[in-house]
């Protein structure tokens, strides 16, 4: 999908955040969050993107395949350019206030007749972004059901790119990762290891909460061989290593010091997401990271753990890794 670059377009960063900008003030807190978490890392790039979606998108259904769709792009008219420039200037100024250099910031407008979420997914795939960053508008779960929102649409689309949903002002840099011994949670740990490689200023908590009557975690190594080296899996995931041992080793392999990784006591609760949020607040973690099970996995009436966690968080960030 063609897009219009408004500033630096270099893509030489070790990590890249695709940040969706619009006129809603909630995005300012999301930009502050990104600046606070990664402002001291010269290897992180910030691609600020605004989707200029035509009103016709409200009557055109989203394509089955976002990349190969035949839906035409919508042109960006010249009178709108100044408004986009102001939008990007405000966003860039927030990032620069955290010490981020202009060379690490790229901005672009995506003209499209598709829905915003569909356009963002295509851009994330095209630019090889490490995460899509969106701000919640604070209208609540039922408001999202009625009015719709970019974050809700992206979550429903199950993007292959990790999705970061920022709600309000996040004051703590520490991270809590919900682990359950599955390949999905190990992918979540792997994402954190990549994003925080060689960092020394953030503490990472590993937490497992099992629902009542849930079976004990059984590590089936063959499930992990396709994504991680067999020798590494046999060494670090054997026994019950897929629950805490393997995740902790992934973080150490990324240059994160052992003393920065905290394994919290396991618990059993009626509702896992509530316990995950409570542990995050107790341990001063502003970010919760969860691995999302695929759509083929059965979930309860109220949805999966990642869905329920997003609904309940306030002034926190949730990273969802599919």
C-alpha atoms as a PDB file:
ATOM      1  CA  UNK A   1       0.000   0.000   0.000  1.00  0.00           C
ATOM      2  CA  UNK A   2       1.532   3.367  -0.928  1.00  0.00           C
ATOM      3  CA  UNK A   3       2.043   5.950   1.771  1.00  0.00           C
ATOM      4  CA  UNK A   4       3.321   9.496   1.959  1.00  0.00           C
ATOM      5  CA  UNK A   5       6.495  10.064   3.949  1.00  0.00           C
ATOM      6  CA  UNK A   6       6.631  13.339   5.783  1.00  0.00           C
ATOM      7  CA  UNK A   7       9.995  12.946   7.532  1.00  0.00           C
ATOM      8  CA  UNK A   8      12.911  10.533   7.994  1.00  0.00           C
ATOM      9  CA  UNK A   9      12.140   7.156   6.431  1.00  0.00           C
ATOM     10  CA  UNK A  10      15.251   5.214   7.481  1.00  0.00           C
ATOM     11  CA  UNK A  11      14.573   1.662   8.570  1.00  0.00           C
ATOM     12  CA  UNK A  12      17.898   0.706  10.087  1.00  0.00           C
ATOM     13  CA  UNK A  13      16.764   0.379  13.688  1.00  0.00           C
ATOM     14  CA  UNK A  14      17.182  -2.761  15.789  1.00  0.00           C
ATOM     15  CA  UNK A  15      13.620  -2.288  17.049  1.00  0.00           C
ATOM     16  CA  UNK A  16      10.758  -0.398  15.466  1.00  0.00           C
ATOM     17  CA  UNK A  17       7.498   0.806  17.002  1.00  0.00           C
ATOM     18  CA  UNK A  18       4.596   1.627  14.695  1.00  0.00           C
ATOM     19  CA  UNK A  19       2.556   4.262  16.555  1.00  0.00           C
ATOM     20  CA  UNK A  20      -0.942   5.070  15.303  1.00  0.00           C
ATOM     21  CA  UNK A  21      -1.647   8.814  15.545  1.00  0.00           C
ATOM     22  CA  UNK A  22      -5.008  10.544  15.436  1.00  0.00           C
ATOM     23  CA  UNK A  23      -6.565  13.677  16.901  1.00  0.00           C
ATOM     24  CA  UNK A  24      -7.555  12.024  20.184  1.00  0.00           C
ATOM     25  CA  UNK A  25      -5.535  13.342  23.180  1.00  0.00           C
ATOM     26  CA  UNK A  26      -5.177   9.776  24.498  1.00  0.00           C
ATOM     27  CA  UNK A  27      -2.344   9.210  22.033  1.00  0.00           C
ATOM     28  CA  UNK A  28      -0.205  11.736  23.931  1.00  0.00           C
ATOM     29  CA  UNK A  29       0.001   9.369  26.918  1.00  0.00           C
ATOM     30  CA  UNK A  30       0.927   6.502  24.580  1.00  0.00           C
ATOM     31  CA  UNK A  31       3.754   8.588  23.083  1.00  0.00           C
ATOM     32  CA  UNK A  32       4.943   9.480  26.582  1.00  0.00           C
ATOM     33  CA  UNK A  33       4.909   5.781  27.443  1.00  0.00           C
ATOM     34  CA  UNK A  34       7.074   4.887  24.444  1.00  0.00           C
ATOM     35  CA  UNK A  35       9.462   7.716  25.224  1.00  0.00           C
ATOM     36  CA  UNK A  36       9.745   6.735  28.877  1.00  0.00           C
ATOM     37  CA  UNK A  37      10.299   3.050  28.107  1.00  0.00           C
ATOM     38  CA  UNK A  38      12.712   3.414  25.173  1.00  0.00           C
ATOM     39  CA  UNK A  39      13.929   7.010  25.059  1.00  0.00           C
ATOM     40  CA  UNK A  40      17.405   6.017  26.226  1.00  0.00           C
ATOM     41  CA  UNK A  41      17.789   3.323  23.557  1.00  0.00           C
ATOM     42  CA  UNK A  42      19.351   4.644  20.327  1.00  0.00           C
ATOM     43  CA  UNK A  43      18.455   1.365  18.582  1.00  0.00           C
ATOM     44  CA  UNK A  44      14.701   1.952  18.746  1.00  0.00           C
ATOM     45  CA  UNK A  45      12.896   3.685  15.882  1.00  0.00           C
ATOM     46  CA  UNK A  46       9.474   5.314  16.038  1.00  0.00           C
ATOM     47  CA  UNK A  47       7.279   5.288  12.938  1.00  0.00           C
ATOM     48  CA  UNK A  48       4.389   7.699  13.494  1.00  0.00           C
ATOM     49  CA  UNK A  49       1.525   6.811  11.177  1.00  0.00           C
ATOM     50  CA  UNK A  50      -1.796   8.484  10.491  1.00  0.00           C
ATOM     51  CA  UNK A  51      -4.393   6.597   8.464  1.00  0.00           C
ATOM     52  CA  UNK A  52      -6.272   8.964   6.151  1.00  0.00           C
ATOM     53  CA  UNK A  53      -9.320   6.772   5.636  1.00  0.00           C
ATOM     54  CA  UNK A  54     -12.079   7.899   3.302  1.00  0.00           C
ATOM     55  CA  UNK A  55     -15.655   8.071   4.551  1.00  0.00           C
ATOM     56  CA  UNK A  56     -16.434   5.415   1.966  1.00  0.00           C
ATOM     57  CA  UNK A  57     -14.734   2.874   4.230  1.00  0.00           C
ATOM     58  CA  UNK A  58     -17.843   2.876   6.427  1.00  0.00           C
ATOM     59  CA  UNK A  59     -19.856   1.225   3.665  1.00  0.00           C
ATOM     60  CA  UNK A  60     -17.092  -0.894   2.134  1.00  0.00           C
ATOM     61  CA  UNK A  61     -16.524  -4.127   4.071  1.00  0.00           C
ATOM     62  CA  UNK A  62     -12.958  -4.893   5.129  1.00  0.00           C
ATOM     63  CA  UNK A  63     -11.033  -7.154   2.726  1.00  0.00           C
ATOM     64  CA  UNK A  64     -10.435 -10.810   3.487  1.00  0.00           C
ATOM     65  CA  UNK A  65      -6.738 -10.352   2.689  1.00  0.00           C
ATOM     66  CA  UNK A  66      -5.419  -6.939   3.722  1.00  0.00           C
ATOM     67  CA  UNK A  67      -2.276  -7.213   1.600  1.00  0.00           C
ATOM     68  CA  UNK A  68      -3.783  -8.423  -1.686  1.00  0.00           C
ATOM     69  CA  UNK A  69      -7.008  -6.431  -1.526  1.00  0.00           C
ATOM     70  CA  UNK A  70      -8.287  -4.763  -4.721  1.00  0.00           C
ATOM     71  CA  UNK A  71      -9.859  -1.912  -2.737  1.00  0.00           C
ATOM     72  CA  UNK A  72      -8.238   1.260  -4.127  1.00  0.00           C
ATOM     73  CA  UNK A  73      -6.244   3.703  -2.063  1.00  0.00           C
ATOM     74  CA  UNK A  74      -7.847   6.999  -1.181  1.00  0.00           C
ATOM     75  CA  UNK A  75      -5.937  10.129  -2.262  1.00  0.00           C
ATOM     76  CA  UNK A  76      -4.653  12.621   0.301  1.00  0.00           C
ATOM     77  CA  UNK A  77      -5.702  16.136  -0.668  1.00  0.00           C
ATOM     78  CA  UNK A  78      -3.203  18.960  -0.362  1.00  0.00           C
ATOM     79  CA  UNK A  79      -5.303  21.093   2.063  1.00  0.00           C
ATOM     80  CA  UNK A  80      -5.057  18.237   4.571  1.00  0.00           C
ATOM     81  CA  UNK A  81      -1.268  18.182   4.498  1.00  0.00           C
ATOM     82  CA  UNK A  82      -0.932  21.067   6.969  1.00  0.00           C
ATOM     83  CA  UNK A  83      -3.209  19.288   9.468  1.00  0.00           C
ATOM     84  CA  UNK A  84      -1.116  16.130   9.176  1.00  0.00           C
ATOM     85  CA  UNK A  85       2.046  18.136   9.644  1.00  0.00           C
ATOM     86  CA  UNK A  86       0.699  19.604  12.899  1.00  0.00           C
ATOM     87  CA  UNK A  87      -0.293  16.126  14.071  1.00  0.00           C
ATOM     88  CA  UNK A  88       3.178  14.756  13.404  1.00  0.00           C
ATOM     89  CA  UNK A  89       4.894  17.805  14.886  1.00  0.00           C
ATOM     90  CA  UNK A  90       3.011  17.324  18.169  1.00  0.00           C
ATOM     91  CA  UNK A  91       3.804  13.623  18.257  1.00  0.00           C
ATOM     92  CA  UNK A  92       7.476  14.134  17.388  1.00  0.00           C
ATOM     93  CA  UNK A  93       7.794  16.873  20.028  1.00  0.00           C
ATOM     94  CA  UNK A  94       6.615  14.484  22.754  1.00  0.00           C
ATOM     95  CA  UNK A  95       9.161  11.866  21.710  1.00  0.00           C
ATOM     96  CA  UNK A  96      11.954  14.438  21.454  1.00  0.00           C
ATOM     97  CA  UNK A  97      11.156  15.636  24.980  1.00  0.00           C
ATOM     98  CA  UNK A  98      12.320  12.178  26.133  1.00  0.00           C
ATOM     99  CA  UNK A  99      15.688  12.635  24.425  1.00  0.00           C
ATOM    100  CA  UNK A 100      14.801  10.756  21.243  1.00  0.00           C
ATOM    101  CA  UNK A 101      16.785  11.997  18.262  1.00  0.00           C
ATOM    102  CA  UNK A 102      14.984  13.201  15.091  1.00  0.00           C
ATOM    103  CA  UNK A 103      16.824  10.546  13.058  1.00  0.00           C
ATOM    104  CA  UNK A 104      14.950   7.875  15.038  1.00  0.00           C
ATOM    105  CA  UNK A 105      11.538   9.282  14.095  1.00  0.00           C
ATOM    106  CA  UNK A 106       9.765   8.645  10.795  1.00  0.00           C
ATOM    107  CA  UNK A 107       6.298   9.898   9.904  1.00  0.00           C
ATOM    108  CA  UNK A 108       3.894   8.883   7.174  1.00  0.00           C
ATOM    109  CA  UNK A 109       0.292   9.217   6.058  1.00  0.00           C
ATOM    110  CA  UNK A 110      -1.455   6.095   4.765  1.00  0.00           C
ATOM    111  CA  UNK A 111      -4.256   7.015   2.328  1.00  0.00           C
ATOM    112  CA  UNK A 112      -6.772   4.194   2.137  1.00  0.00           C
ATOM    113  CA  UNK A 113     -10.389   3.201   1.603  1.00  0.00           C
ATOM    114  CA  UNK A 114      -9.918   0.380   4.093  1.00  0.00           C
ATOM    115  CA  UNK A 115     -10.687   0.562   7.796  1.00  0.00           C
ATOM    116  CA  UNK A 116      -7.970   2.028  10.037  1.00  0.00           C
ATOM    117  CA  UNK A 117      -7.154  -1.309  11.649  1.00  0.00           C
ATOM    118  CA  UNK A 118      -6.747  -3.014   8.254  1.00  0.00           C
ATOM    119  CA  UNK A 119      -4.468  -0.239   6.989  1.00  0.00           C
ATOM    120  CA  UNK A 120      -2.330  -0.453  10.138  1.00  0.00           C
ATOM    121  CA  UNK A 121      -1.932  -4.209   9.798  1.00  0.00           C
ATOM    122  CA  UNK A 122      -0.690  -3.825   6.228  1.00  0.00           C
ATOM    123  CA  UNK A 123       1.744  -1.071   7.218  1.00  0.00           C
ATOM    124  CA  UNK A 124       3.064  -3.145  10.144  1.00  0.00           C
ATOM    125  CA  UNK A 125       3.747  -6.083   7.827  1.00  0.00           C
ATOM    126  CA  UNK A 126       5.268  -3.896   5.122  1.00  0.00           C
ATOM    127  CA  UNK A 127       7.590  -1.980   7.448  1.00  0.00           C
ATOM    128  CA  UNK A 128       8.499  -5.058   9.538  1.00  0.00           C
ATOM    129  CA  UNK A 129       7.444  -3.291  12.723  1.00  0.00           C
ATOM    130  CA  UNK A 130       8.152  -5.031  16.024  1.00  0.00           C
ATOM    131  CA  UNK A 131       4.947  -3.728  17.613  1.00  0.00           C
ATOM    132  CA  UNK A 132       1.817  -1.736  16.818  1.00  0.00           C
ATOM    133  CA  UNK A 133       1.160   0.904  19.495  1.00  0.00           C
ATOM    134  CA  UNK A 134      -2.374   2.243  19.972  1.00  0.00           C
ATOM    135  CA  UNK A 135      -4.050   4.270  22.702  1.00  0.00           C
ATOM    136  CA  UNK A 136      -7.323   3.303  24.303  1.00  0.00           C
ATOM    137  CA  UNK A 137      -9.866   6.072  24.186  1.00  0.00           C
ATOM    138  CA  UNK A 138     -11.194   5.389  27.676  1.00  0.00           C
ATOM    139  CA  UNK A 139     -14.766   4.715  26.540  1.00  0.00           C
ATOM    140  CA  UNK A 140     -14.958   1.302  28.192  1.00  0.00           C
ATOM    141  CA  UNK A 141     -15.682  -2.170  26.857  1.00  0.00           C
ATOM    142  CA  UNK A 142     -19.360  -1.659  26.097  1.00  0.00           C
ATOM    143  CA  UNK A 143     -18.644   1.694  24.484  1.00  0.00           C
ATOM    144  CA  UNK A 144     -16.162  -0.050  22.202  1.00  0.00           C
ATOM    145  CA  UNK A 145     -18.791  -2.639  21.294  1.00  0.00           C
ATOM    146  CA  UNK A 146     -21.204   0.097  20.234  1.00  0.00           C
ATOM    147  CA  UNK A 147     -18.869   2.711  18.756  1.00  0.00           C
ATOM    148  CA  UNK A 148     -15.956   0.554  17.756  1.00  0.00           C
ATOM    149  CA  UNK A 149     -12.310   1.455  18.289  1.00  0.00           C
ATOM    150  CA  UNK A 150      -9.013   0.880  16.566  1.00  0.00           C
ATOM    151  CA  UNK A 151      -7.599  -1.066  19.529  1.00  0.00           C
ATOM    152  CA  UNK A 152     -10.656  -3.326  19.712  1.00  0.00           C
ATOM    153  CA  UNK A 153     -10.614  -3.947  15.960  1.00  0.00           C
ATOM    154  CA  UNK A 154      -6.924  -4.759  15.945  1.00  0.00           C
ATOM    155  CA  UNK A 155      -7.373  -7.183  18.834  1.00  0.00           C
ATOM    156  CA  UNK A 156     -10.198  -8.975  17.056  1.00  0.00           C
ATOM    157  CA  UNK A 157      -8.096  -9.266  13.874  1.00  0.00           C
ATOM    158  CA  UNK A 158      -5.363 -11.193  15.795  1.00  0.00           C
ATOM    159  CA  UNK A 159      -2.380  -9.447  14.194  1.00  0.00           C
ATOM    160  CA  UNK A 160       0.859 -11.367  13.776  1.00  0.00           C
ATOM    161  CA  UNK A 161       2.678  -8.219  14.911  1.00  0.00           C
ATOM    162  CA  UNK A 162       2.558  -7.753  18.717  1.00  0.00           C
ATOM    163  CA  UNK A 163      -0.092  -5.238  19.755  1.00  0.00           C
ATOM    164  CA  UNK A 164       0.564  -2.716  22.535  1.00  0.00           C
ATOM    165  CA  UNK A 165      -2.563  -1.122  23.984  1.00  0.00           C
ATOM    166  CA  UNK A 166      -1.844   1.880  26.228  1.00  0.00           C
ATOM    167  CA  UNK A 167      -4.520   2.993  28.678  1.00  0.00           C
ATOM    168  CA  UNK A 168      -3.960   6.344  30.376  1.00  0.00           C
ATOM    169  CA  UNK A 169      -0.752   7.463  32.075  1.00  0.00           C
ATOM    170  CA  UNK A 170       1.707   4.661  32.852  1.00  0.00           C
ATOM    171  CA  UNK A 171       4.019   5.611  35.718  1.00  0.00           C
ATOM    172  CA  UNK A 172       6.066   2.430  36.318  1.00  0.00           C
ATOM    173  CA  UNK A 173       8.618   0.944  33.897  1.00  0.00           C
ATOM    174  CA  UNK A 174       8.730  -2.586  35.336  1.00  0.00           C
ATOM    175  CA  UNK A 175       7.064  -5.427  33.435  1.00  0.00           C
ATOM    176  CA  UNK A 176       4.980  -8.439  34.427  1.00  0.00           C
ATOM    177  CA  UNK A 177       4.761 -11.364  32.003  1.00  0.00           C
ATOM    178  CA  UNK A 178       1.965 -13.883  32.422  1.00  0.00           C
ATOM    179  CA  UNK A 179       3.436 -17.348  31.765  1.00  0.00           C
ATOM    180  CA  UNK A 180       1.603 -20.654  31.516  1.00  0.00           C
ATOM    181  CA  UNK A 181       4.104 -23.072  29.992  1.00  0.00           C
ATOM    182  CA  UNK A 182       2.649 -22.722  26.493  1.00  0.00           C
ATOM    183  CA  UNK A 183       4.366 -21.759  23.280  1.00  0.00           C
ATOM    184  CA  UNK A 184       2.203 -18.610  23.290  1.00  0.00           C
ATOM    185  CA  UNK A 185       3.610 -17.339  26.583  1.00  0.00           C
ATOM    186  CA  UNK A 186       7.181 -18.199  25.522  1.00  0.00           C
ATOM    187  CA  UNK A 187       6.632 -16.103  22.394  1.00  0.00           C
ATOM    188  CA  UNK A 188       5.584 -13.255  24.691  1.00  0.00           C
ATOM    189  CA  UNK A 189       8.809 -13.647  26.688  1.00  0.00           C
ATOM    190  CA  UNK A 190      10.797 -13.776  23.448  1.00  0.00           C
ATOM    191  CA  UNK A 191       9.219 -10.479  22.375  1.00  0.00           C
ATOM    192  CA  UNK A 192      10.167  -8.839  25.675  1.00  0.00           C
ATOM    193  CA  UNK A 193      13.714 -10.207  25.363  1.00  0.00           C
ATOM    194  CA  UNK A 194      14.033  -8.663  21.897  1.00  0.00           C
ATOM    195  CA  UNK A 195      12.594  -5.289  22.916  1.00  0.00           C
ATOM    196  CA  UNK A 196      14.647  -5.019  26.130  1.00  0.00           C
ATOM    197  CA  UNK A 197      17.913  -6.530  24.905  1.00  0.00           C
ATOM    198  CA  UNK A 198      20.850  -5.538  27.150  1.00  0.00           C
ATOM    199  CA  UNK A 199      18.689  -3.225  29.286  1.00  0.00           C
ATOM    200  CA  UNK A 200      19.667  -2.696  32.932  1.00  0.00           C
ATOM    201  CA  UNK A 201      16.945  -0.322  34.122  1.00  0.00           C
ATOM    202  CA  UNK A 202      13.816  -2.514  34.075  1.00  0.00           C
ATOM    203  CA  UNK A 203      12.810  -5.386  36.345  1.00  0.00           C
ATOM    204  CA  UNK A 204      10.804  -8.218  34.770  1.00  0.00           C
ATOM    205  CA  UNK A 205       8.407 -10.362  36.805  1.00  0.00           C
ATOM    206  CA  UNK A 206       7.296 -13.823  35.661  1.00  0.00           C
ATOM    207  CA  UNK A 207       3.923 -14.866  37.074  1.00  0.00           C
ATOM    208  CA  UNK A 208       1.776 -17.952  36.653  1.00  0.00           C
ATOM    209  CA  UNK A 209      -1.825 -17.970  37.811  1.00  0.00           C
ATOM    210  CA  UNK A 210      -3.863 -21.093  37.146  1.00  0.00           C
ATOM    211  CA  UNK A 211      -7.643 -21.232  37.171  1.00  0.00           C
ATOM    212  CA  UNK A 212      -9.248 -23.550  39.710  1.00  0.00           C
ATOM    213  CA  UNK A 213      -9.520 -27.119  38.393  1.00  0.00           C
ATOM    214  CA  UNK A 214      -7.030 -26.330  35.630  1.00  0.00           C
ATOM    215  CA  UNK A 215      -4.695 -29.255  34.833  1.00  0.00           C
ATOM    216  CA  UNK A 216      -1.045 -29.116  35.824  1.00  0.00           C
ATOM    217  CA  UNK A 217       1.342 -27.648  33.275  1.00  0.00           C
ATOM    218  CA  UNK A 218       2.892 -30.360  31.092  1.00  0.00           C
ATOM    219  CA  UNK A 219       5.838 -29.339  28.910  1.00  0.00           C
ATOM    220  CA  UNK A 220       5.740 -30.987  25.487  1.00  0.00           C
ATOM    221  CA  UNK A 221       9.104 -30.093  24.006  1.00  0.00           C
ATOM    222  CA  UNK A 222       8.216 -30.995  20.431  1.00  0.00           C
ATOM    223  CA  UNK A 223       5.841 -28.017  20.309  1.00  0.00           C
ATOM    224  CA  UNK A 224       8.760 -25.624  20.780  1.00  0.00           C
ATOM    225  CA  UNK A 225      11.290 -27.121  18.336  1.00  0.00           C
ATOM    226  CA  UNK A 226       9.978 -25.290  15.282  1.00  0.00           C
ATOM    227  CA  UNK A 227      10.568 -21.844  16.752  1.00  0.00           C
ATOM    228  CA  UNK A 228      13.544 -22.418  19.069  1.00  0.00           C
ATOM    229  CA  UNK A 229      16.650 -24.527  18.671  1.00  0.00           C
ATOM    230  CA  UNK A 230      16.134 -28.170  19.718  1.00  0.00           C
ATOM    231  CA  UNK A 231      19.285 -28.235  21.851  1.00  0.00           C
ATOM    232  CA  UNK A 232      18.209 -25.065  23.626  1.00  0.00           C
ATOM    233  CA  UNK A 233      14.716 -26.478  24.252  1.00  0.00           C
ATOM    234  CA  UNK A 234      16.063 -29.791  25.553  1.00  0.00           C
ATOM    235  CA  UNK A 235      18.377 -27.920  27.892  1.00  0.00           C
ATOM    236  CA  UNK A 236      16.073 -25.215  29.257  1.00  0.00           C
ATOM    237  CA  UNK A 237      12.504 -26.467  28.811  1.00  0.00           C
ATOM    238  CA  UNK A 238      12.863 -30.038  30.080  1.00  0.00           C
ATOM    239  CA  UNK A 239      10.790 -31.064  33.108  1.00  0.00           C
ATOM    240  CA  UNK A 240       8.767 -28.021  34.112  1.00  0.00           C
ATOM    241  CA  UNK A 241      11.281 -25.625  32.543  1.00  0.00           C
ATOM    242  CA  UNK A 242       8.783 -24.233  30.049  1.00  0.00           C
ATOM    243  CA  UNK A 243       6.974 -22.494  32.921  1.00  0.00           C
ATOM    244  CA  UNK A 244       9.803 -20.418  34.448  1.00  0.00           C
ATOM    245  CA  UNK A 245      13.218 -21.855  33.553  1.00  0.00           C
ATOM    246  CA  UNK A 246      12.973 -21.374  29.804  1.00  0.00           C
ATOM    247  CA  UNK A 247      11.461 -17.875  29.986  1.00  0.00           C
ATOM    248  CA  UNK A 248      14.134 -16.729  32.446  1.00  0.00           C
ATOM    249  CA  UNK A 249      16.859 -18.148  30.196  1.00  0.00           C
ATOM    250  CA  UNK A 250      15.476 -16.331  27.139  1.00  0.00           C
ATOM    251  CA  UNK A 251      15.782 -13.071  29.035  1.00  0.00           C
ATOM    252  CA  UNK A 252      19.320 -13.884  30.186  1.00  0.00           C
ATOM    253  CA  UNK A 253      20.283 -14.785  26.613  1.00  0.00           C
ATOM    254  CA  UNK A 254      19.191 -11.259  25.628  1.00  0.00           C
ATOM    255  CA  UNK A 255      21.672  -9.717  28.051  1.00  0.00           C
ATOM    256  CA  UNK A 256      19.178  -9.044  30.856  1.00  0.00           C
ATOM    257  CA  UNK A 257      20.879  -9.604  34.220  1.00  0.00           C
ATOM    258  CA  UNK A 258      19.593 -12.484  36.410  1.00  0.00           C
ATOM    259  CA  UNK A 259      18.825 -10.087  39.266  1.00  0.00           C
ATOM    260  CA  UNK A 260      16.438  -8.200  36.982  1.00  0.00           C
ATOM    261  CA  UNK A 261      14.233 -11.284  36.540  1.00  0.00           C
ATOM    262  CA  UNK A 262      11.871 -12.101  39.424  1.00  0.00           C
ATOM    263  CA  UNK A 263       9.857 -15.332  39.562  1.00  0.00           C
ATOM    264  CA  UNK A 264       6.694 -14.691  41.577  1.00  0.00           C
ATOM    265  CA  UNK A 265       4.940 -17.446  43.581  1.00  0.00           C
ATOM    266  CA  UNK A 266       2.362 -19.413  41.622  1.00  0.00           C
ATOM    267  CA  UNK A 267      -1.301 -19.018  42.549  1.00  0.00           C
ATOM    268  CA  UNK A 268      -4.705 -20.486  41.774  1.00  0.00           C
ATOM    269  CA  UNK A 269      -7.604 -18.106  41.348  1.00  0.00           C
ATOM    270  CA  UNK A 270     -11.125 -18.120  40.024  1.00  0.00           C
ATOM    271  CA  UNK A 271     -10.258 -15.411  37.491  1.00  0.00           C
ATOM    272  CA  UNK A 272      -6.690 -15.238  36.163  1.00  0.00           C
ATOM    273  CA  UNK A 273      -6.740 -11.768  34.608  1.00  0.00           C
ATOM    274  CA  UNK A 274      -7.786 -10.061  37.853  1.00  0.00           C
ATOM    275  CA  UNK A 275      -4.904 -11.760  39.658  1.00  0.00           C
ATOM    276  CA  UNK A 276      -2.441 -10.789  36.918  1.00  0.00           C
ATOM    277  CA  UNK A 277      -3.432  -7.123  37.215  1.00  0.00           C
ATOM    278  CA  UNK A 278      -3.270  -7.239  41.016  1.00  0.00           C
ATOM    279  CA  UNK A 279       0.232  -8.722  40.931  1.00  0.00           C
ATOM    280  CA  UNK A 280       1.334  -6.098  38.421  1.00  0.00           C
ATOM    281  CA  UNK A 281       0.165  -3.289  40.679  1.00  0.00           C
ATOM    282  CA  UNK A 282       1.640  -4.917  43.789  1.00  0.00           C
ATOM    283  CA  UNK A 283       5.053  -5.161  42.128  1.00  0.00           C
ATOM    284  CA  UNK A 284       4.889  -1.701  40.537  1.00  0.00           C
ATOM    285  CA  UNK A 285       4.688  -2.984  36.981  1.00  0.00           C
ATOM    286  CA  UNK A 286       3.199  -0.548  34.492  1.00  0.00           C
ATOM    287  CA  UNK A 287       3.226  -3.073  31.661  1.00  0.00           C
ATOM    288  CA  UNK A 288       1.575  -6.496  31.433  1.00  0.00           C
ATOM    289  CA  UNK A 289       2.657  -8.891  28.687  1.00  0.00           C
ATOM    290  CA  UNK A 290       0.499 -11.859  27.688  1.00  0.00           C
ATOM    291  CA  UNK A 291       0.709 -14.482  24.990  1.00  0.00           C
ATOM    292  CA  UNK A 292      -2.516 -14.860  23.079  1.00  0.00           C
ATOM    293  CA  UNK A 293      -3.872 -18.258  22.182  1.00  0.00           C
ATOM    294  CA  UNK A 294      -5.045 -18.717  18.616  1.00  0.00           C
ATOM    295  CA  UNK A 295      -8.682 -18.441  17.520  1.00  0.00           C
ATOM    296  CA  UNK A 296      -8.938 -22.246  17.343  1.00  0.00           C
ATOM    297  CA  UNK A 297      -8.518 -22.531  21.131  1.00  0.00           C
ATOM    298  CA  UNK A 298     -11.820 -22.570  23.022  1.00  0.00           C
ATOM    299  CA  UNK A 299     -12.354 -19.692  25.463  1.00  0.00           C
ATOM    300  CA  UNK A 300     -14.973 -18.945  28.076  1.00  0.00           C
ATOM    301  CA  UNK A 301     -18.063 -16.761  27.753  1.00  0.00           C
ATOM    302  CA  UNK A 302     -16.110 -13.656  28.748  1.00  0.00           C
ATOM    303  CA  UNK A 303     -13.256 -14.335  26.349  1.00  0.00           C
ATOM    304  CA  UNK A 304      -9.637 -15.290  26.909  1.00  0.00           C
ATOM    305  CA  UNK A 305      -7.221 -14.034  29.560  1.00  0.00           C
ATOM    306  CA  UNK A 306      -5.682 -11.419  27.250  1.00  0.00           C
ATOM    307  CA  UNK A 307      -9.109 -10.021  26.350  1.00  0.00           C
ATOM    308  CA  UNK A 308     -10.216  -9.794  29.980  1.00  0.00           C
ATOM    309  CA  UNK A 309      -6.920  -8.236  31.027  1.00  0.00           C
ATOM    310  CA  UNK A 310      -7.277  -5.456  28.445  1.00  0.00           C
ATOM    311  CA  UNK A 311     -10.836  -4.723  29.594  1.00  0.00           C
ATOM    312  CA  UNK A 312      -9.816  -4.280  33.236  1.00  0.00           C
ATOM    313  CA  UNK A 313      -6.565  -2.325  33.017  1.00  0.00           C
ATOM    314  CA  UNK A 314      -6.394   1.371  33.832  1.00  0.00           C
ATOM    315  CA  UNK A 315      -3.265   3.517  33.564  1.00  0.00           C
ATOM    316  CA  UNK A 316      -1.336   0.492  32.338  1.00  0.00           C
ATOM    317  CA  UNK A 317       0.010  -0.914  29.082  1.00  0.00           C
ATOM    318  CA  UNK A 318      -0.827  -4.395  27.813  1.00  0.00           C
ATOM    319  CA  UNK A 319       1.373  -6.095  25.227  1.00  0.00           C
ATOM    320  CA  UNK A 320      -0.479  -8.893  23.412  1.00  0.00           C
ATOM    321  CA  UNK A 321       1.707 -11.342  21.500  1.00  0.00           C
ATOM    322  CA  UNK A 322      -0.009 -13.806  19.171  1.00  0.00           C
END
